[in-house]
Amino acid sequence: FFHEFDENIGITHLNTSWMCYDSNNESGKLHIGLNSVYNCLNDERFQAKPIKIVIGHHRLSDFNKTVGNHLKSLFKTKDIDLYLGGHCHDATVIYDPSIKVEFCSCRQARVEDVNNPAGFIIGDINTESDQSCFQFLNWNVELAKWTYDYTVYFAKHGKYYLKGEKFTKVPVVNRNVIVDLKMMDIPLNYEEIMNQFNIHNSAIYSSSI
């Protein structure tokens, strides 16, 4: 079904779980009603939104390969920007340049396990600042607090900047970079720093400790 988030963002929710009857034997085998998906993505209200997001419980790799390829084709023709999923023990994010879609999966958030910590993702979309990103976090059992997730391959310091054309007006190679290595006292004021040194389109990285 389609959910009208605001005037800028439309979200289509997919029921990826209707054939998910055995969690131990489902990877690469799930199907989805492609006709229903097409009708939902083709909704005039959804198509009118500048940013289009699709959310499903499963990752694309959990689908039958043919079904997954059909979904990717639909995402391309219907101008989808983000696919958000989960059902995994490790958070992932990857940009598919062939269809110009970001695929982001969130790790589970219901266990306290040193090897498989709970996690969540904060998304920030701002097409004016060129700083749209995902911030990945894990629950640190030993410290009993949320920390940045450094295990996500394409996310440096736990932060991943969206690569789609709608989010990157300035190429990454032309950006200034601020690296926050301040370990003590109050956090740095990034706005003050950028104004003082006339820095624009910056990518900000900061340590979790």
N, C-alpha and C. Protein backbone atom coordinates (compact mmCIF):
# COMPACT_ATOMS: atom_id res chain seq x y z
N PHE A 1 0.84 -1.19 0.00
CA PHE A 1 0.00 0.00 0.00
C PHE A 1 0.87 1.24 0.00
N PHE A 2 0.29 2.35 -0.42
CA PHE A 2 1.00 3.62 -0.53
C PHE A 2 0.70 4.50 0.68
N HIS A 3 1.74 5.13 1.23
CA HIS A 3 1.59 6.03 2.38
C HIS A 3 2.16 7.39 2.00
N GLU A 4 1.33 8.42 2.10
CA GLU A 4 1.75 9.78 1.77
C GLU A 4 2.40 10.40 2.99
N PHE A 5 3.73 10.43 3.01
CA PHE A 5 4.46 10.91 4.17
C PHE A 5 4.35 12.43 4.29
N ASP A 6 4.69 13.16 3.23
CA ASP A 6 4.47 14.61 3.16
C ASP A 6 4.50 15.00 1.70
N GLU A 7 4.61 16.30 1.41
CA GLU A 7 4.56 16.73 0.01
C GLU A 7 5.79 16.34 -0.78
N ASN A 8 6.87 15.95 -0.08
CA ASN A 8 8.14 15.62 -0.75
C ASN A 8 8.43 14.13 -0.84
N ILE A 9 7.85 13.34 0.07
CA ILE A 9 8.22 11.93 0.16
C ILE A 9 6.99 11.03 0.13
N GLY A 10 7.04 10.02 -0.73
CA GLY A 10 6.02 8.98 -0.76
C GLY A 10 6.65 7.64 -0.40
N ILE A 11 5.91 6.82 0.34
CA ILE A 11 6.42 5.52 0.78
C ILE A 11 5.46 4.42 0.35
N THR A 12 5.99 3.41 -0.32
CA THR A 12 5.19 2.23 -0.64
C THR A 12 5.66 1.07 0.23
N HIS A 13 4.71 0.45 0.92
CA HIS A 13 5.01 -0.68 1.82
C HIS A 13 4.70 -1.99 1.09
N LEU A 14 5.67 -2.90 1.07
CA LEU A 14 5.48 -4.20 0.43
C LEU A 14 5.37 -5.29 1.48
N ASN A 15 4.38 -6.16 1.33
CA ASN A 15 4.28 -7.33 2.19
C ASN A 15 5.17 -8.43 1.61
N THR A 16 6.42 -8.44 2.04
CA THR A 16 7.38 -9.43 1.53
C THR A 16 7.28 -10.75 2.27
N SER A 17 6.42 -10.83 3.28
CA SER A 17 6.41 -11.99 4.18
C SER A 17 5.27 -12.97 3.93
N TRP A 18 4.48 -12.75 2.89
CA TRP A 18 3.29 -13.59 2.73
C TRP A 18 3.64 -15.03 2.34
N MET A 19 4.88 -15.29 1.87
CA MET A 19 5.31 -16.67 1.62
C MET A 19 6.42 -17.08 2.57
N CYS A 20 6.61 -16.30 3.62
CA CYS A 20 7.68 -16.56 4.58
C CYS A 20 7.15 -17.44 5.71
N TYR A 21 7.16 -18.74 5.50
CA TYR A 21 6.62 -19.67 6.49
C TYR A 21 7.71 -20.40 7.27
N ASP A 22 8.97 -20.34 6.81
CA ASP A 22 10.06 -21.03 7.48
C ASP A 22 11.31 -20.17 7.40
N SER A 23 11.65 -19.47 8.47
CA SER A 23 12.75 -18.52 8.45
C SER A 23 14.10 -19.18 8.20
N ASN A 24 14.18 -20.50 8.38
CA ASN A 24 15.44 -21.21 8.15
C ASN A 24 15.60 -21.68 6.71
N ASN A 25 14.55 -21.52 5.90
CA ASN A 25 14.63 -22.05 4.53
C ASN A 25 13.89 -21.11 3.57
N GLU A 26 14.29 -19.83 3.59
CA GLU A 26 13.57 -18.86 2.76
C GLU A 26 14.48 -18.01 1.88
N SER A 27 15.75 -17.90 2.23
CA SER A 27 16.65 -17.03 1.50
C SER A 27 16.74 -17.41 0.03
N GLY A 28 16.46 -16.45 -0.84
CA GLY A 28 16.50 -16.69 -2.28
C GLY A 28 15.29 -17.40 -2.83
N LYS A 29 14.23 -17.56 -2.01
CA LYS A 29 13.07 -18.35 -2.45
C LYS A 29 11.74 -17.59 -2.35
N LEU A 30 11.76 -16.40 -1.77
CA LEU A 30 10.51 -15.69 -1.55
C LEU A 30 9.94 -15.10 -2.85
N HIS A 31 8.61 -15.03 -2.91
CA HIS A 31 7.91 -14.41 -4.04
C HIS A 31 7.07 -13.26 -3.51
N ILE A 32 6.60 -12.45 -4.43
CA ILE A 32 5.74 -11.32 -4.07
C ILE A 32 4.77 -11.09 -5.22
N GLY A 33 3.61 -10.51 -4.94
CA GLY A 33 2.63 -10.24 -6.00
C GLY A 33 3.07 -9.10 -6.88
N LEU A 34 3.74 -9.38 -7.98
CA LEU A 34 4.33 -8.33 -8.82
C LEU A 34 3.28 -7.41 -9.44
N ASN A 35 2.10 -7.95 -9.77
CA ASN A 35 1.04 -7.10 -10.32
C ASN A 35 0.60 -6.05 -9.30
N SER A 36 0.47 -6.49 -8.05
CA SER A 36 0.09 -5.55 -6.99
C SER A 36 1.19 -4.51 -6.76
N VAL A 37 2.44 -4.97 -6.82
CA VAL A 37 3.56 -4.04 -6.65
C VAL A 37 3.54 -2.98 -7.77
N TYR A 38 3.31 -3.44 -9.00
CA TYR A 38 3.27 -2.51 -10.14
C TYR A 38 2.16 -1.48 -9.95
N ASN A 39 0.98 -1.93 -9.57
CA ASN A 39 -0.15 -1.02 -9.40
C ASN A 39 0.12 0.01 -8.31
N CYS A 40 0.80 -0.44 -7.26
CA CYS A 40 1.08 0.47 -6.14
C CYS A 40 2.15 1.50 -6.53
N LEU A 41 3.20 1.05 -7.21
CA LEU A 41 4.26 1.97 -7.63
C LEU A 41 3.77 2.92 -8.70
N ASN A 42 2.73 2.52 -9.43
CA ASN A 42 2.18 3.32 -10.52
C ASN A 42 1.13 4.32 -10.03
N ASP A 43 0.83 4.31 -8.73
CA ASP A 43 -0.15 5.22 -8.16
C ASP A 43 0.24 6.67 -8.46
N GLU A 44 -0.69 7.44 -8.98
CA GLU A 44 -0.40 8.83 -9.37
C GLU A 44 0.10 9.67 -8.21
N ARG A 45 -0.44 9.44 -7.02
CA ARG A 45 0.00 10.19 -5.84
C ARG A 45 1.45 9.88 -5.50
N PHE A 46 1.82 8.60 -5.64
CA PHE A 46 3.19 8.17 -5.37
C PHE A 46 4.14 8.73 -6.41
N GLN A 47 3.77 8.64 -7.68
CA GLN A 47 4.63 9.11 -8.76
C GLN A 47 4.85 10.61 -8.72
N ALA A 48 3.94 11.34 -8.09
CA ALA A 48 4.06 12.80 -8.03
C ALA A 48 5.10 13.26 -7.00
N LYS A 49 5.56 12.35 -6.14
CA LYS A 49 6.50 12.72 -5.08
C LYS A 49 7.93 12.82 -5.61
N PRO A 50 8.69 13.85 -5.22
CA PRO A 50 10.09 13.95 -5.64
C PRO A 50 10.96 12.79 -5.15
N ILE A 51 10.74 12.36 -3.89
CA ILE A 51 11.51 11.25 -3.32
C ILE A 51 10.57 10.07 -3.12
N LYS A 52 10.95 8.91 -3.68
CA LYS A 52 10.10 7.72 -3.60
C LYS A 52 10.85 6.61 -2.86
N ILE A 53 10.24 6.12 -1.78
CA ILE A 53 10.85 5.10 -0.93
C ILE A 53 9.98 3.86 -0.93
N VAL A 54 10.61 2.70 -1.03
CA VAL A 54 9.92 1.41 -0.92
C VAL A 54 10.46 0.69 0.31
N ILE A 55 9.55 0.17 1.15
CA ILE A 55 9.95 -0.53 2.37
C ILE A 55 9.40 -1.96 2.35
N GLY A 56 10.25 -2.92 2.64
CA GLY A 56 9.83 -4.31 2.78
C GLY A 56 10.59 -4.94 3.93
N HIS A 57 10.04 -6.01 4.50
CA HIS A 57 10.73 -6.63 5.64
C HIS A 57 12.04 -7.29 5.20
N HIS A 58 12.05 -7.87 4.00
CA HIS A 58 13.20 -8.65 3.55
C HIS A 58 14.12 -7.86 2.62
N ARG A 59 15.35 -8.34 2.50
CA ARG A 59 16.29 -7.81 1.53
C ARG A 59 15.96 -8.34 0.14
N LEU A 60 16.49 -7.70 -0.87
CA LEU A 60 16.23 -8.15 -2.24
C LEU A 60 16.80 -9.54 -2.48
N SER A 61 17.91 -9.88 -1.81
CA SER A 61 18.55 -11.18 -1.98
C SER A 61 17.70 -12.32 -1.42
N ASP A 62 16.69 -12.01 -0.61
CA ASP A 62 15.83 -13.05 -0.05
C ASP A 62 14.77 -13.52 -1.06
N PHE A 63 14.60 -12.75 -2.15
CA PHE A 63 13.61 -13.13 -3.15
C PHE A 63 14.17 -14.15 -4.14
N ASN A 64 13.26 -14.89 -4.77
CA ASN A 64 13.62 -15.68 -5.93
C ASN A 64 14.34 -14.75 -6.92
N LYS A 65 15.37 -15.27 -7.60
CA LYS A 65 16.19 -14.41 -8.45
C LYS A 65 15.38 -13.73 -9.54
N THR A 66 14.45 -14.47 -10.15
CA THR A 66 13.61 -13.88 -11.20
C THR A 66 12.74 -12.76 -10.64
N VAL A 67 12.15 -13.01 -9.47
CA VAL A 67 11.31 -12.00 -8.83
C VAL A 67 12.14 -10.77 -8.47
N GLY A 68 13.35 -11.00 -7.95
CA GLY A 68 14.23 -9.89 -7.59
C GLY A 68 14.58 -9.03 -8.80
N ASN A 69 14.84 -9.67 -9.94
CA ASN A 69 15.16 -8.93 -11.16
C ASN A 69 13.95 -8.13 -11.65
N HIS A 70 12.75 -8.71 -11.53
CA HIS A 70 11.54 -7.98 -11.90
C HIS A 70 11.35 -6.75 -11.02
N LEU A 71 11.61 -6.92 -9.71
CA LEU A 71 11.48 -5.79 -8.79
C LEU A 71 12.47 -4.68 -9.15
N LYS A 72 13.70 -5.05 -9.48
CA LYS A 72 14.70 -4.06 -9.85
C LYS A 72 14.28 -3.30 -11.10
N SER A 73 13.69 -4.00 -12.05
CA SER A 73 13.20 -3.35 -13.27
C SER A 73 12.09 -2.36 -12.95
N LEU A 74 11.18 -2.79 -12.05
CA LEU A 74 10.10 -1.89 -11.64
C LEU A 74 10.65 -0.65 -10.93
N PHE A 75 11.65 -0.87 -10.07
CA PHE A 75 12.25 0.25 -9.34
C PHE A 75 12.85 1.26 -10.31
N LYS A 76 13.47 0.76 -11.37
CA LYS A 76 14.10 1.64 -12.35
C LYS A 76 13.05 2.43 -13.14
N THR A 77 12.05 1.74 -13.65
CA THR A 77 11.05 2.40 -14.50
C THR A 77 10.15 3.34 -13.71
N LYS A 78 9.99 3.08 -12.41
CA LYS A 78 9.12 3.92 -11.58
C LYS A 78 9.89 4.92 -10.73
N ASP A 79 11.18 5.08 -11.03
CA ASP A 79 11.99 6.14 -10.42
C ASP A 79 12.07 6.02 -8.90
N ILE A 80 12.28 4.80 -8.39
CA ILE A 80 12.42 4.59 -6.95
C ILE A 80 13.82 5.01 -6.50
N ASP A 81 13.90 5.67 -5.36
CA ASP A 81 15.18 6.17 -4.86
C ASP A 81 15.80 5.26 -3.81
N LEU A 82 14.98 4.74 -2.88
CA LEU A 82 15.49 3.94 -1.77
C LEU A 82 14.65 2.69 -1.58
N TYR A 83 15.32 1.56 -1.32
CA TYR A 83 14.61 0.36 -0.84
C TYR A 83 15.16 0.06 0.55
N LEU A 84 14.28 0.05 1.54
CA LEU A 84 14.68 -0.18 2.92
C LEU A 84 14.14 -1.53 3.39
N GLY A 85 15.02 -2.38 3.89
CA GLY A 85 14.61 -3.71 4.34
C GLY A 85 15.32 -4.09 5.63
N GLY A 86 15.29 -5.37 5.93
CA GLY A 86 15.92 -5.86 7.15
C GLY A 86 16.07 -7.36 7.11
N HIS A 87 15.60 -8.04 8.18
CA HIS A 87 15.65 -9.49 8.27
C HIS A 87 17.08 -10.01 8.14
N CYS A 88 18.00 -9.36 8.87
CA CYS A 88 19.41 -9.77 8.77
C CYS A 88 20.13 -9.45 10.07
N HIS A 89 21.28 -10.08 10.26
CA HIS A 89 22.08 -9.87 11.47
C HIS A 89 23.14 -8.79 11.28
N ASP A 90 23.40 -8.37 10.03
CA ASP A 90 24.38 -7.33 9.75
C ASP A 90 23.77 -6.27 8.86
N ALA A 91 23.87 -5.03 9.28
CA ALA A 91 23.36 -3.93 8.46
C ALA A 91 24.17 -3.81 7.18
N THR A 92 23.50 -3.46 6.08
CA THR A 92 24.17 -3.31 4.79
C THR A 92 23.60 -2.10 4.06
N VAL A 93 24.40 -1.54 3.18
CA VAL A 93 23.92 -0.49 2.28
C VAL A 93 24.74 -0.57 0.99
N ILE A 94 24.08 -0.42 -0.14
CA ILE A 94 24.76 -0.47 -1.42
C ILE A 94 23.96 0.32 -2.45
N TYR A 95 24.67 0.99 -3.33
CA TYR A 95 24.02 1.75 -4.40
C TYR A 95 24.16 0.97 -5.70
N ASP A 96 23.04 0.74 -6.39
CA ASP A 96 23.04 0.05 -7.68
C ASP A 96 22.98 1.11 -8.77
N PRO A 97 24.10 1.43 -9.43
CA PRO A 97 24.10 2.50 -10.43
C PRO A 97 23.30 2.17 -11.68
N SER A 98 23.06 0.88 -11.94
CA SER A 98 22.32 0.50 -13.15
C SER A 98 20.85 0.90 -13.06
N ILE A 99 20.32 0.96 -11.84
CA ILE A 99 18.91 1.36 -11.67
C ILE A 99 18.78 2.60 -10.78
N LYS A 100 19.93 3.10 -10.28
CA LYS A 100 19.99 4.32 -9.47
C LYS A 100 19.14 4.22 -8.20
N VAL A 101 19.28 3.10 -7.51
CA VAL A 101 18.53 2.85 -6.28
C VAL A 101 19.51 2.49 -5.15
N GLU A 102 19.28 3.06 -3.97
CA GLU A 102 20.02 2.69 -2.77
C GLU A 102 19.28 1.56 -2.07
N PHE A 103 20.00 0.49 -1.71
CA PHE A 103 19.42 -0.62 -0.96
C PHE A 103 20.05 -0.63 0.43
N CYS A 104 19.22 -0.45 1.45
CA CYS A 104 19.71 -0.38 2.82
C CYS A 104 18.95 -1.37 3.69
N SER A 105 19.67 -2.19 4.43
CA SER A 105 19.05 -3.18 5.32
C SER A 105 19.51 -2.96 6.75
N CYS A 106 18.56 -2.98 7.67
CA CYS A 106 18.85 -2.75 9.09
C CYS A 106 18.95 -4.08 9.83
N ARG A 107 19.96 -4.20 10.69
CA ARG A 107 20.08 -5.40 11.51
C ARG A 107 18.95 -5.46 12.53
N GLN A 108 18.78 -6.64 13.14
CA GLN A 108 17.69 -6.82 14.11
C GLN A 108 17.89 -5.92 15.31
N ALA A 109 16.80 -5.65 16.02
CA ALA A 109 16.88 -4.72 17.16
C ALA A 109 16.25 -5.29 18.41
N ARG A 110 16.38 -6.60 18.62
CA ARG A 110 15.66 -7.18 19.75
C ARG A 110 16.49 -8.11 20.63
N VAL A 111 17.82 -8.14 20.44
CA VAL A 111 18.63 -9.04 21.25
C VAL A 111 19.84 -8.31 21.83
N GLU A 112 20.31 -8.78 22.96
CA GLU A 112 21.57 -8.30 23.53
C GLU A 112 22.59 -9.42 23.39
N ASP A 113 23.33 -9.37 22.30
CA ASP A 113 24.29 -10.41 21.98
C ASP A 113 25.56 -9.73 21.49
N VAL A 114 26.69 -10.05 22.09
CA VAL A 114 27.96 -9.42 21.72
C VAL A 114 28.27 -9.66 20.25
N ASN A 115 27.98 -10.86 19.75
CA ASN A 115 28.29 -11.20 18.36
C ASN A 115 27.24 -10.67 17.38
N ASN A 116 26.00 -10.54 17.83
CA ASN A 116 24.93 -10.02 16.97
C ASN A 116 24.18 -8.92 17.73
N PRO A 117 24.80 -7.75 17.87
CA PRO A 117 24.17 -6.70 18.68
C PRO A 117 22.94 -6.12 18.00
N ALA A 118 22.06 -5.57 18.79
CA ALA A 118 20.90 -4.86 18.25
C ALA A 118 21.38 -3.60 17.55
N GLY A 119 20.61 -3.14 16.59
CA GLY A 119 21.01 -1.95 15.86
C GLY A 119 19.84 -1.20 15.26
N PHE A 120 20.09 0.03 14.86
CA PHE A 120 19.09 0.79 14.12
C PHE A 120 19.81 1.81 13.25
N ILE A 121 19.05 2.46 12.37
CA ILE A 121 19.62 3.41 11.42
C ILE A 121 18.83 4.71 11.47
N ILE A 122 19.54 5.82 11.50
CA ILE A 122 18.91 7.13 11.39
C ILE A 122 19.12 7.64 9.97
N GLY A 123 18.04 7.93 9.26
CA GLY A 123 18.14 8.47 7.92
C GLY A 123 17.89 9.97 7.91
N ASP A 124 18.67 10.70 7.15
CA ASP A 124 18.50 12.15 7.04
C ASP A 124 18.53 12.54 5.57
N ILE A 125 17.40 12.99 5.04
CA ILE A 125 17.32 13.41 3.64
C ILE A 125 17.20 14.92 3.59
N ASN A 126 18.18 15.57 2.98
CA ASN A 126 18.17 17.02 2.80
C ASN A 126 18.78 17.32 1.44
N THR A 127 17.95 17.49 0.44
CA THR A 127 18.44 17.68 -0.93
C THR A 127 19.05 19.06 -1.14
N GLU A 128 18.85 19.99 -0.21
CA GLU A 128 19.43 21.33 -0.35
C GLU A 128 20.88 21.37 0.14
N SER A 129 21.18 20.61 1.21
CA SER A 129 22.50 20.67 1.81
C SER A 129 23.48 19.68 1.20
N ASP A 130 22.99 18.74 0.39
CA ASP A 130 23.85 17.71 -0.21
C ASP A 130 24.47 16.83 0.87
N GLN A 131 23.75 16.62 1.98
CA GLN A 131 24.27 15.86 3.10
C GLN A 131 23.36 14.69 3.46
N SER A 132 22.53 14.22 2.54
CA SER A 132 21.63 13.11 2.84
C SER A 132 22.44 11.88 3.19
N CYS A 133 22.08 11.21 4.28
CA CYS A 133 22.92 10.12 4.76
C CYS A 133 22.14 9.12 5.61
N PHE A 134 22.77 7.97 5.85
CA PHE A 134 22.33 6.99 6.83
C PHE A 134 23.38 6.93 7.93
N GLN A 135 22.95 6.99 9.19
CA GLN A 135 23.86 6.80 10.32
C GLN A 135 23.53 5.47 10.97
N PHE A 136 24.48 4.53 10.98
CA PHE A 136 24.28 3.19 11.51
C PHE A 136 24.76 3.13 12.96
N LEU A 137 23.93 2.54 13.83
CA LEU A 137 24.27 2.42 15.24
C LEU A 137 24.05 1.00 15.75
N ASN A 138 24.87 0.61 16.73
CA ASN A 138 24.76 -0.68 17.40
C ASN A 138 24.61 -0.47 18.90
N TRP A 139 23.98 -1.43 19.55
CA TRP A 139 23.95 -1.43 21.02
C TRP A 139 25.19 -2.14 21.54
N ASN A 140 26.02 -1.42 22.28
CA ASN A 140 27.22 -1.98 22.86
C ASN A 140 26.87 -2.56 24.23
N VAL A 141 26.90 -3.90 24.33
CA VAL A 141 26.50 -4.58 25.56
C VAL A 141 27.43 -4.23 26.72
N GLU A 142 28.74 -4.17 26.45
CA GLU A 142 29.70 -3.92 27.52
C GLU A 142 29.60 -2.49 28.05
N LEU A 143 29.41 -1.52 27.14
CA LEU A 143 29.31 -0.12 27.56
C LEU A 143 27.89 0.29 27.91
N ALA A 144 26.92 -0.57 27.56
CA ALA A 144 25.51 -0.30 27.80
C ALA A 144 25.07 1.03 27.20
N LYS A 145 25.44 1.24 25.93
CA LYS A 145 25.00 2.45 25.22
C LYS A 145 25.09 2.23 23.71
N TRP A 146 24.44 3.14 22.97
CA TRP A 146 24.48 3.06 21.51
C TRP A 146 25.79 3.65 20.99
N THR A 147 26.43 2.93 20.06
CA THR A 147 27.67 3.40 19.44
C THR A 147 27.55 3.28 17.93
N TYR A 148 28.41 3.99 17.21
CA TYR A 148 28.39 3.92 15.75
C TYR A 148 28.79 2.52 15.30
N ASP A 149 28.15 2.07 14.23
CA ASP A 149 28.44 0.74 13.67
C ASP A 149 29.51 0.89 12.59
N TYR A 150 30.73 0.43 12.92
CA TYR A 150 31.85 0.55 11.99
C TYR A 150 31.97 -0.66 11.06
N THR A 151 31.04 -1.60 11.15
CA THR A 151 31.16 -2.83 10.37
C THR A 151 30.49 -2.74 9.00
N VAL A 152 29.71 -1.67 8.74
CA VAL A 152 29.02 -1.55 7.46
C VAL A 152 30.04 -1.15 6.40
N TYR A 153 30.19 -1.99 5.38
CA TYR A 153 31.32 -1.89 4.45
C TYR A 153 31.43 -0.52 3.77
N PHE A 154 30.32 0.01 3.26
CA PHE A 154 30.39 1.25 2.49
C PHE A 154 30.16 2.50 3.35
N ALA A 155 30.02 2.31 4.66
CA ALA A 155 29.74 3.45 5.55
C ALA A 155 30.98 3.77 6.38
N LYS A 156 31.72 4.77 6.01
CA LYS A 156 32.90 5.16 6.78
C LYS A 156 32.46 5.77 8.11
N HIS A 157 33.06 5.29 9.18
CA HIS A 157 32.74 5.78 10.53
C HIS A 157 31.25 5.64 10.85
N GLY A 158 30.61 4.64 10.25
CA GLY A 158 29.21 4.39 10.53
C GLY A 158 28.25 5.29 9.78
N LYS A 159 28.76 6.20 8.93
CA LYS A 159 27.89 7.11 8.19
C LYS A 159 28.06 6.89 6.68
N TYR A 160 26.91 6.84 6.00
CA TYR A 160 26.90 6.60 4.56
C TYR A 160 26.15 7.73 3.87
N TYR A 161 26.79 8.40 2.93
CA TYR A 161 26.15 9.49 2.19
C TYR A 161 25.49 8.95 0.93
N LEU A 162 24.22 9.27 0.72
CA LEU A 162 23.46 8.76 -0.41
C LEU A 162 24.07 9.23 -1.73
N LYS A 163 24.11 8.31 -2.70
CA LYS A 163 24.82 8.57 -3.94
C LYS A 163 23.91 8.91 -5.12
N GLY A 164 22.60 8.77 -4.96
CA GLY A 164 21.69 9.05 -6.06
C GLY A 164 21.77 10.49 -6.53
N GLU A 165 21.39 10.74 -7.78
CA GLU A 165 21.50 12.07 -8.37
C GLU A 165 20.67 13.11 -7.61
N LYS A 166 19.59 12.68 -7.00
CA LYS A 166 18.74 13.62 -6.25
C LYS A 166 19.40 14.10 -4.96
N PHE A 167 20.40 13.34 -4.50
CA PHE A 167 21.02 13.63 -3.21
C PHE A 167 22.42 14.22 -3.33
N THR A 168 23.04 14.16 -4.50
CA THR A 168 24.44 14.57 -4.64
C THR A 168 24.58 15.60 -5.75
N LYS A 169 24.36 16.84 -5.43
CA LYS A 169 24.54 17.91 -6.40
C LYS A 169 26.02 18.19 -6.63
N VAL A 170 26.83 17.95 -5.60
CA VAL A 170 28.27 18.16 -5.69
C VAL A 170 28.98 16.81 -5.61
N PRO A 171 29.83 16.45 -6.58
CA PRO A 171 30.54 15.17 -6.52
C PRO A 171 31.35 15.03 -5.24
N VAL A 172 31.44 13.80 -4.73
CA VAL A 172 32.15 13.55 -3.48
C VAL A 172 33.60 14.04 -3.54
N VAL A 173 34.25 13.90 -4.70
CA VAL A 173 35.67 14.29 -4.82
C VAL A 173 35.86 15.79 -4.66
N ASN A 174 34.79 16.58 -4.84
CA ASN A 174 34.90 18.02 -4.72
C ASN A 174 34.46 18.54 -3.35
N ARG A 175 34.18 17.64 -2.40
CA ARG A 175 33.72 18.05 -1.09
C ARG A 175 34.88 18.32 -0.15
N ASN A 176 34.67 19.26 0.77
CA ASN A 176 35.57 19.41 1.89
C ASN A 176 35.24 18.37 2.94
N VAL A 177 36.21 18.01 3.76
CA VAL A 177 35.99 16.98 4.77
C VAL A 177 36.37 17.52 6.14
N ILE A 178 35.49 17.33 7.12
CA ILE A 178 35.80 17.66 8.51
C ILE A 178 35.91 16.34 9.27
N VAL A 179 37.05 16.10 9.91
CA VAL A 179 37.23 14.91 10.74
C VAL A 179 37.32 15.36 12.19
N ASP A 180 36.36 14.95 13.00
CA ASP A 180 36.29 15.36 14.40
C ASP A 180 37.07 14.37 15.26
N LEU A 181 38.25 14.79 15.73
CA LEU A 181 39.07 13.94 16.60
C LEU A 181 39.08 14.46 18.03
N LYS A 182 38.13 15.32 18.37
CA LYS A 182 38.08 15.91 19.70
C LYS A 182 37.56 14.87 20.69
N MET A 183 38.37 14.49 21.66
CA MET A 183 38.03 13.43 22.59
C MET A 183 37.45 13.94 23.92
N MET A 184 37.72 15.19 24.25
CA MET A 184 37.34 15.70 25.57
C MET A 184 36.42 16.91 25.42
N ASP A 185 35.79 17.31 26.51
CA ASP A 185 35.00 18.54 26.57
C ASP A 185 33.76 18.45 25.68
N ILE A 186 33.18 19.60 25.33
CA ILE A 186 31.93 19.61 24.58
C ILE A 186 32.18 19.31 23.10
N PRO A 187 31.15 18.84 22.37
CA PRO A 187 31.32 18.55 20.94
C PRO A 187 31.65 19.80 20.15
N LEU A 188 32.30 19.63 19.03
CA LEU A 188 32.62 20.75 18.15
C LEU A 188 31.36 21.31 17.52
N ASN A 189 31.36 22.60 17.25
CA ASN A 189 30.25 23.26 16.56
C ASN A 189 30.58 23.31 15.07
N TYR A 190 30.02 22.36 14.30
CA TYR A 190 30.37 22.24 12.89
C TYR A 190 29.95 23.47 12.08
N GLU A 191 28.79 24.02 12.43
CA GLU A 191 28.32 25.21 11.71
C GLU A 191 29.29 26.38 11.88
N GLU A 192 29.79 26.54 13.11
CA GLU A 192 30.74 27.62 13.39
C GLU A 192 32.04 27.40 12.63
N ILE A 193 32.49 26.15 12.59
CA ILE A 193 33.73 25.82 11.87
C ILE A 193 33.58 26.10 10.37
N MET A 194 32.45 25.68 9.80
CA MET A 194 32.23 25.85 8.37
C MET A 194 32.14 27.33 8.01
N ASN A 195 31.52 28.13 8.87
CA ASN A 195 31.42 29.56 8.62
C ASN A 195 32.79 30.24 8.73
N GLN A 196 33.56 29.83 9.75
CA GLN A 196 34.86 30.45 9.99
C GLN A 196 35.83 30.20 8.84
N PHE A 197 35.82 28.99 8.28
CA PHE A 197 36.77 28.64 7.23
C PHE A 197 36.14 28.62 5.84
N ASN A 198 34.89 29.10 5.75
CA ASN A 198 34.18 29.18 4.47
C ASN A 198 34.12 27.80 3.79
N ILE A 199 33.71 26.80 4.56
CA ILE A 199 33.62 25.42 4.05
C ILE A 199 32.18 25.14 3.63
N HIS A 200 32.03 24.56 2.45
CA HIS A 200 30.70 24.21 1.95
C HIS A 200 30.69 22.75 1.49
N ASN A 201 29.51 22.15 1.43
CA ASN A 201 29.37 20.77 0.95
C ASN A 201 30.31 19.81 1.66
N SER A 202 30.36 19.92 2.98
CA SER A 202 31.32 19.13 3.75
C SER A 202 30.74 17.76 4.12
N ALA A 203 31.62 16.80 4.25
CA ALA A 203 31.28 15.49 4.79
C ALA A 203 31.90 15.43 6.19
N ILE A 204 31.08 15.24 7.23
CA ILE A 204 31.56 15.30 8.60
C ILE A 204 31.65 13.89 9.18
N TYR A 205 32.82 13.53 9.70
CA TYR A 205 33.04 12.24 10.34
C TYR A 205 33.42 12.48 11.78
N SER A 206 32.83 11.73 12.71
CA SER A 206 33.20 11.90 14.11
C SER A 206 33.30 10.54 14.78
N SER A 207 34.18 10.47 15.76
CA SER A 207 34.40 9.23 16.50
C SER A 207 33.30 9.04 17.52
N SER A 208 33.03 7.77 17.89
CA SER A 208 32.00 7.49 18.89
C SER A 208 32.54 7.54 20.31
N ILE A 209 33.86 7.73 20.46
CA ILE A 209 34.44 7.74 21.81
C ILE A 209 35.17 9.06 22.06
